[in-house]
Amino acid sequence: MEVYKIAVILCAIGVPSYSKVYYFCDLARRLKFKYYPQYVQNVSLATCIAGYRGYDTSHKLIHPNGRIYYGIFGLESKNSYCNKGEFMDDYLGRDLECLAAVLSEPRMHYMYERLCAPDLTARGECWENDYFKVDDVWIPLFPDIFDETYGEEHAIVRYLKTKGIDYNVPFGVKEKADNSH
């Protein structure tokens, strides 16, 4: 019995972990050079979405209703195509394919576009060297919003309202209306 316990402990310790926490420019570089354009067309948006999960491939959020969101993009394992086990490692190809499916839903696309708008992100650039720009990066100002709201739109609206931000008014629309008078 003691041998069995020791073997279980050693197996648990010896399980390799392939998760990774990225620095945002390292993630942008990886998306641009390894996955663009086959899997990702908008490196800035993908990097921003990952920022809401701490750029962590092993991120896991358990909703009170039992849904679980996995990986660097917070993807829910809904069907056989989006396999949760593949979202917890540092290979991002399947994650990006599933993210594209999520973003094909108009409501989800609006939510991520809105959360990655200039009023909710810091804007920056990532460079490979002094002469070659990798891409623009959008860094979330409120990176904990998904962990606090479980990604539910009505909760995100309330969260942003406490910050004086109207989720339902796209960035720039209010300023244009104010300037037209």
C-alpha atoms as a PDB file:
ATOM      1  CA  MET A   1       0.000   0.000   0.000  1.00  0.00           C
ATOM      2  CA  GLU A   2       2.858   2.395   0.837  1.00  0.00           C
ATOM      3  CA  VAL A   3       4.443   1.734  -2.569  1.00  0.00           C
ATOM      4  CA  TYR A   4       1.127   2.594  -4.243  1.00  0.00           C
ATOM      5  CA  LYS A   5       0.862   5.916  -2.330  1.00  0.00           C
ATOM      6  CA  ILE A   6       4.414   6.845  -3.230  1.00  0.00           C
ATOM      7  CA  ALA A   7       3.817   5.960  -6.883  1.00  0.00           C
ATOM      8  CA  VAL A   8       0.683   8.136  -6.988  1.00  0.00           C
ATOM      9  CA  ILE A   9       2.534  11.060  -5.412  1.00  0.00           C
ATOM     10  CA  LEU A  10       5.455  10.719  -7.813  1.00  0.00           C
ATOM     11  CA  CYS A  11       3.110  10.528 -10.796  1.00  0.00           C
ATOM     12  CA  ALA A  12       1.290  13.649  -9.651  1.00  0.00           C
ATOM     13  CA  ILE A  13       4.559  15.518  -9.238  1.00  0.00           C
ATOM     14  CA  GLY A  14       5.970  14.234 -12.505  1.00  0.00           C
ATOM     15  CA  VAL A  15       3.056  15.277 -14.722  1.00  0.00           C
ATOM     16  CA  PRO A  16       4.459  17.838 -17.139  1.00  0.00           C
ATOM     17  CA  SER A  17       2.685  21.166 -17.317  1.00  0.00           C
ATOM     18  CA  TYR A  18       2.554  22.933 -20.638  1.00  0.00           C
ATOM     19  CA  SER A  19       0.743  26.020 -19.458  1.00  0.00           C
ATOM     20  CA  LYS A  20       2.295  29.406 -19.910  1.00  0.00           C
ATOM     21  CA  VAL A  21       1.744  32.956 -18.728  1.00  0.00           C
ATOM     22  CA  TYR A  22       2.753  35.375 -21.461  1.00  0.00           C
ATOM     23  CA  TYR A  23       3.981  38.923 -21.381  1.00  0.00           C
ATOM     24  CA  PHE A  24       1.623  40.723 -23.793  1.00  0.00           C
ATOM     25  CA  CYS A  25       4.323  41.469 -26.389  1.00  0.00           C
ATOM     26  CA  ASP A  26       5.501  37.849 -26.306  1.00  0.00           C
ATOM     27  CA  LEU A  27       1.920  36.740 -26.965  1.00  0.00           C
ATOM     28  CA  ALA A  28       1.494  39.272 -29.791  1.00  0.00           C
ATOM     29  CA  ARG A  29       4.774  38.075 -31.304  1.00  0.00           C
ATOM     30  CA  ARG A  30       3.702  34.425 -31.070  1.00  0.00           C
ATOM     31  CA  LEU A  31       0.272  35.125 -32.578  1.00  0.00           C
ATOM     32  CA  LYS A  32       1.791  37.170 -35.401  1.00  0.00           C
ATOM     33  CA  PHE A  33       4.630  34.839 -36.337  1.00  0.00           C
ATOM     34  CA  LYS A  34       3.149  31.409 -35.628  1.00  0.00           C
ATOM     35  CA  TYR A  35      -0.621  31.716 -36.076  1.00  0.00           C
ATOM     36  CA  TYR A  36      -1.188  34.689 -38.433  1.00  0.00           C
ATOM     37  CA  PRO A  37      -3.016  34.683 -40.846  1.00  0.00           C
ATOM     38  CA  GLN A  38      -4.188  31.050 -40.711  1.00  0.00           C
ATOM     39  CA  TYR A  39      -5.712  31.198 -37.217  1.00  0.00           C
ATOM     40  CA  VAL A  40      -5.829  34.864 -36.233  1.00  0.00           C
ATOM     41  CA  GLN A  41      -6.389  37.951 -38.356  1.00  0.00           C
ATOM     42  CA  ASN A  42      -6.598  40.542 -35.551  1.00  0.00           C
ATOM     43  CA  VAL A  43      -3.605  40.115 -33.249  1.00  0.00           C
ATOM     44  CA  SER A  44      -4.566  43.222 -31.247  1.00  0.00           C
ATOM     45  CA  LEU A  45      -8.056  41.911 -30.439  1.00  0.00           C
ATOM     46  CA  ALA A  46      -6.800  38.410 -29.579  1.00  0.00           C
ATOM     47  CA  THR A  47      -4.109  39.863 -27.303  1.00  0.00           C
ATOM     48  CA  CYS A  48      -6.703  42.066 -25.601  1.00  0.00           C
ATOM     49  CA  ILE A  49      -9.057  39.132 -24.991  1.00  0.00           C
ATOM     50  CA  ALA A  50      -6.141  37.171 -23.508  1.00  0.00           C
ATOM     51  CA  GLY A  51      -5.416  40.131 -21.231  1.00  0.00           C
ATOM     52  CA  TYR A  52      -8.749  39.584 -19.525  1.00  0.00           C
ATOM     53  CA  ARG A  53      -7.410  36.125 -18.520  1.00  0.00           C
ATOM     54  CA  GLY A  54      -4.030  37.381 -17.351  1.00  0.00           C
ATOM     55  CA  TYR A  55      -2.365  36.074 -20.562  1.00  0.00           C
ATOM     56  CA  ASP A  56      -2.427  32.691 -18.800  1.00  0.00           C
ATOM     57  CA  THR A  57      -3.013  29.511 -20.822  1.00  0.00           C
ATOM     58  CA  SER A  58      -4.067  27.670 -17.657  1.00  0.00           C
ATOM     59  CA  HIS A  59      -6.716  30.233 -16.622  1.00  0.00           C
ATOM     60  CA  LYS A  60      -9.912  28.569 -15.423  1.00  0.00           C
ATOM     61  CA  LEU A  61     -13.099  30.324 -14.332  1.00  0.00           C
ATOM     62  CA  ILE A  62     -15.949  28.325 -12.812  1.00  0.00           C
ATOM     63  CA  HIS A  63     -19.328  30.027 -13.111  1.00  0.00           C
ATOM     64  CA  PRO A  64     -21.784  29.499 -10.214  1.00  0.00           C
ATOM     65  CA  ASN A  65     -24.131  27.717 -12.662  1.00  0.00           C
ATOM     66  CA  GLY A  66     -21.451  25.108 -13.393  1.00  0.00           C
ATOM     67  CA  ARG A  67     -20.141  26.379 -16.732  1.00  0.00           C
ATOM     68  CA  ILE A  68     -16.368  26.412 -16.916  1.00  0.00           C
ATOM     69  CA  TYR A  69     -14.278  28.763 -19.038  1.00  0.00           C
ATOM     70  CA  TYR A  70     -10.809  27.563 -19.959  1.00  0.00           C
ATOM     71  CA  GLY A  71      -7.509  28.911 -21.144  1.00  0.00           C
ATOM     72  CA  ILE A  72      -6.030  32.148 -22.325  1.00  0.00           C
ATOM     73  CA  PHE A  73      -9.217  33.209 -24.160  1.00  0.00           C
ATOM     74  CA  GLY A  74     -11.722  31.980 -21.550  1.00  0.00           C
ATOM     75  CA  LEU A  75     -13.428  29.506 -23.870  1.00  0.00           C
ATOM     76  CA  GLU A  76     -16.337  27.367 -22.786  1.00  0.00           C
ATOM     77  CA  SER A  77     -16.178  23.722 -23.794  1.00  0.00           C
ATOM     78  CA  LYS A  78     -19.586  23.482 -25.485  1.00  0.00           C
ATOM     79  CA  ASN A  79     -19.073  20.833 -28.123  1.00  0.00           C
ATOM     80  CA  SER A  80     -16.616  18.297 -29.463  1.00  0.00           C
ATOM     81  CA  TYR A  81     -14.871  20.926 -31.589  1.00  0.00           C
ATOM     82  CA  CYS A  82     -13.961  23.094 -28.604  1.00  0.00           C
ATOM     83  CA  ASN A  83     -12.174  20.576 -26.403  1.00  0.00           C
ATOM     84  CA  LYS A  84     -11.374  22.030 -22.967  1.00  0.00           C
ATOM     85  CA  GLY A  85      -8.229  19.949 -22.592  1.00  0.00           C
ATOM     86  CA  GLU A  86      -6.697  21.725 -25.542  1.00  0.00           C
ATOM     87  CA  PHE A  87      -7.354  25.150 -24.026  1.00  0.00           C
ATOM     88  CA  MET A  88      -5.075  24.635 -21.048  1.00  0.00           C
ATOM     89  CA  ASP A  89      -1.736  24.307 -22.845  1.00  0.00           C
ATOM     90  CA  ASP A  90       0.518  26.610 -24.834  1.00  0.00           C
ATOM     91  CA  TYR A  91      -0.555  25.384 -28.307  1.00  0.00           C
ATOM     92  CA  LEU A  92      -3.004  28.079 -29.369  1.00  0.00           C
ATOM     93  CA  GLY A  93      -4.189  26.876 -32.796  1.00  0.00           C
ATOM     94  CA  ARG A  94      -7.384  25.165 -31.602  1.00  0.00           C
ATOM     95  CA  ASP A  95      -8.014  27.947 -29.077  1.00  0.00           C
ATOM     96  CA  LEU A  96      -7.933  30.485 -31.909  1.00  0.00           C
ATOM     97  CA  GLU A  97     -10.248  28.370 -34.074  1.00  0.00           C
ATOM     98  CA  CYS A  98     -12.742  28.164 -31.221  1.00  0.00           C
ATOM     99  CA  LEU A  99     -12.333  31.885 -30.481  1.00  0.00           C
ATOM    100  CA  ALA A 100     -13.188  32.622 -34.126  1.00  0.00           C
ATOM    101  CA  ALA A 101     -16.396  30.593 -33.705  1.00  0.00           C
ATOM    102  CA  VAL A 102     -17.248  32.549 -30.539  1.00  0.00           C
ATOM    103  CA  LEU A 103     -16.575  35.869 -32.292  1.00  0.00           C
ATOM    104  CA  SER A 104     -18.848  34.854 -35.185  1.00  0.00           C
ATOM    105  CA  GLU A 105     -21.778  35.336 -32.789  1.00  0.00           C
ATOM    106  CA  PRO A 106     -22.739  39.051 -33.145  1.00  0.00           C
ATOM    107  CA  ARG A 107     -23.424  39.590 -29.422  1.00  0.00           C
ATOM    108  CA  MET A 108     -20.085  38.075 -28.402  1.00  0.00           C
ATOM    109  CA  HIS A 109     -18.237  39.977 -31.124  1.00  0.00           C
ATOM    110  CA  TYR A 110     -19.751  43.261 -29.900  1.00  0.00           C
ATOM    111  CA  MET A 111     -18.858  42.447 -26.291  1.00  0.00           C
ATOM    112  CA  TYR A 112     -15.196  41.814 -27.055  1.00  0.00           C
ATOM    113  CA  GLU A 113     -14.912  44.729 -29.483  1.00  0.00           C
ATOM    114  CA  ARG A 114     -16.467  46.964 -26.819  1.00  0.00           C
ATOM    115  CA  LEU A 115     -14.235  45.651 -24.015  1.00  0.00           C
ATOM    116  CA  CYS A 116     -11.197  46.206 -26.230  1.00  0.00           C
ATOM    117  CA  ALA A 117     -12.203  49.741 -27.283  1.00  0.00           C
ATOM    118  CA  PRO A 118      -9.822  52.651 -26.592  1.00  0.00           C
ATOM    119  CA  ASP A 119     -11.718  53.809 -23.481  1.00  0.00           C
ATOM    120  CA  LEU A 120     -11.274  50.389 -21.843  1.00  0.00           C
ATOM    121  CA  THR A 121      -7.700  49.625 -22.903  1.00  0.00           C
ATOM    122  CA  ALA A 122      -4.247  51.137 -22.915  1.00  0.00           C
ATOM    123  CA  ARG A 123      -2.802  51.219 -26.417  1.00  0.00           C
ATOM    124  CA  GLY A 124       0.748  50.231 -27.165  1.00  0.00           C
ATOM    125  CA  GLU A 125       3.032  48.712 -29.753  1.00  0.00           C
ATOM    126  CA  CYS A 126       5.269  45.671 -29.714  1.00  0.00           C
ATOM    127  CA  TRP A 127       8.486  45.663 -31.701  1.00  0.00           C
ATOM    128  CA  GLU A 128      10.728  42.779 -32.751  1.00  0.00           C
ATOM    129  CA  ASN A 129      13.660  45.194 -32.954  1.00  0.00           C
ATOM    130  CA  ASP A 130      14.271  48.897 -33.685  1.00  0.00           C
ATOM    131  CA  TYR A 131      12.998  48.534 -37.251  1.00  0.00           C
ATOM    132  CA  PHE A 132      10.239  45.921 -37.250  1.00  0.00           C
ATOM    133  CA  LYS A 133       6.899  46.472 -35.558  1.00  0.00           C
ATOM    134  CA  VAL A 134       5.123  43.254 -34.563  1.00  0.00           C
ATOM    135  CA  ASP A 135       1.677  44.768 -33.964  1.00  0.00           C
ATOM    136  CA  ASP A 136      -0.403  47.107 -31.850  1.00  0.00           C
ATOM    137  CA  VAL A 137      -1.486  45.770 -28.480  1.00  0.00           C
ATOM    138  CA  TRP A 138      -4.570  46.669 -26.481  1.00  0.00           C
ATOM    139  CA  ILE A 139      -4.103  46.095 -22.761  1.00  0.00           C
ATOM    140  CA  PRO A 140      -7.289  45.899 -20.635  1.00  0.00           C
ATOM    141  CA  LEU A 141      -7.661  48.617 -18.000  1.00  0.00           C
ATOM    142  CA  PHE A 142     -10.016  46.392 -15.974  1.00  0.00           C
ATOM    143  CA  PRO A 143      -8.469  42.932 -16.445  1.00  0.00           C
ATOM    144  CA  ASP A 144     -10.522  41.415 -13.621  1.00  0.00           C
ATOM    145  CA  ILE A 145     -13.894  42.200 -15.229  1.00  0.00           C
ATOM    146  CA  PHE A 146     -14.514  38.617 -16.423  1.00  0.00           C
ATOM    147  CA  ASP A 147     -13.494  37.014 -13.151  1.00  0.00           C
ATOM    148  CA  GLU A 148     -15.828  39.369 -11.268  1.00  0.00           C
ATOM    149  CA  THR A 149     -18.790  39.181 -13.691  1.00  0.00           C
ATOM    150  CA  TYR A 150     -18.337  35.669 -15.124  1.00  0.00           C
ATOM    151  CA  GLY A 151     -18.552  37.291 -18.565  1.00  0.00           C
ATOM    152  CA  GLU A 152     -22.287  37.903 -18.255  1.00  0.00           C
ATOM    153  CA  GLU A 153     -23.238  40.940 -20.302  1.00  0.00           C
ATOM    154  CA  HIS A 154     -25.673  42.428 -17.751  1.00  0.00           C
ATOM    155  CA  ALA A 155     -23.029  42.124 -15.019  1.00  0.00           C
ATOM    156  CA  ILE A 156     -20.394  43.709 -17.278  1.00  0.00           C
ATOM    157  CA  VAL A 157     -22.805  46.613 -17.916  1.00  0.00           C
ATOM    158  CA  ARG A 158     -23.203  47.135 -14.140  1.00  0.00           C
ATOM    159  CA  TYR A 159     -19.452  46.793 -13.512  1.00  0.00           C
ATOM    160  CA  LEU A 160     -18.639  49.452 -16.112  1.00  0.00           C
ATOM    161  CA  LYS A 161     -21.419  51.724 -14.864  1.00  0.00           C
ATOM    162  CA  THR A 162     -19.656  51.829 -11.467  1.00  0.00           C
ATOM    163  CA  LYS A 163     -16.638  53.163 -13.391  1.00  0.00           C
ATOM    164  CA  GLY A 164     -18.749  55.813 -15.172  1.00  0.00           C
ATOM    165  CA  ILE A 165     -18.645  53.983 -18.518  1.00  0.00           C
ATOM    166  CA  ASP A 166     -21.724  53.232 -20.633  1.00  0.00           C
ATOM    167  CA  TYR A 167     -21.229  49.787 -22.171  1.00  0.00           C
ATOM    168  CA  ASN A 168     -24.080  50.318 -24.634  1.00  0.00           C
ATOM    169  CA  VAL A 169     -22.587  53.460 -26.169  1.00  0.00           C
ATOM    170  CA  PRO A 170     -19.701  52.457 -28.425  1.00  0.00           C
ATOM    171  CA  PHE A 171     -16.524  54.428 -27.859  1.00  0.00           C
ATOM    172  CA  GLY A 172     -16.484  57.671 -29.831  1.00  0.00           C
ATOM    173  CA  VAL A 173     -20.263  57.914 -30.380  1.00  0.00           C
ATOM    174  CA  LYS A 174     -20.913  60.102 -27.308  1.00  0.00           C
ATOM    175  CA  GLU A 175     -17.994  62.405 -28.150  1.00  0.00           C
ATOM    176  CA  LYS A 176     -19.256  62.864 -31.734  1.00  0.00           C
ATOM    177  CA  ALA A 177     -22.774  63.654 -30.485  1.00  0.00           C
ATOM    178  CA  ASP A 178     -21.417  66.175 -27.945  1.00  0.00           C
ATOM    179  CA  ASN A 179     -19.306  67.920 -30.606  1.00  0.00           C
ATOM    180  CA  SER A 180     -22.165  68.230 -33.122  1.00  0.00           C
ATOM    181  CA  HIS A 181     -23.969  70.902 -31.059  1.00  0.00           C
END
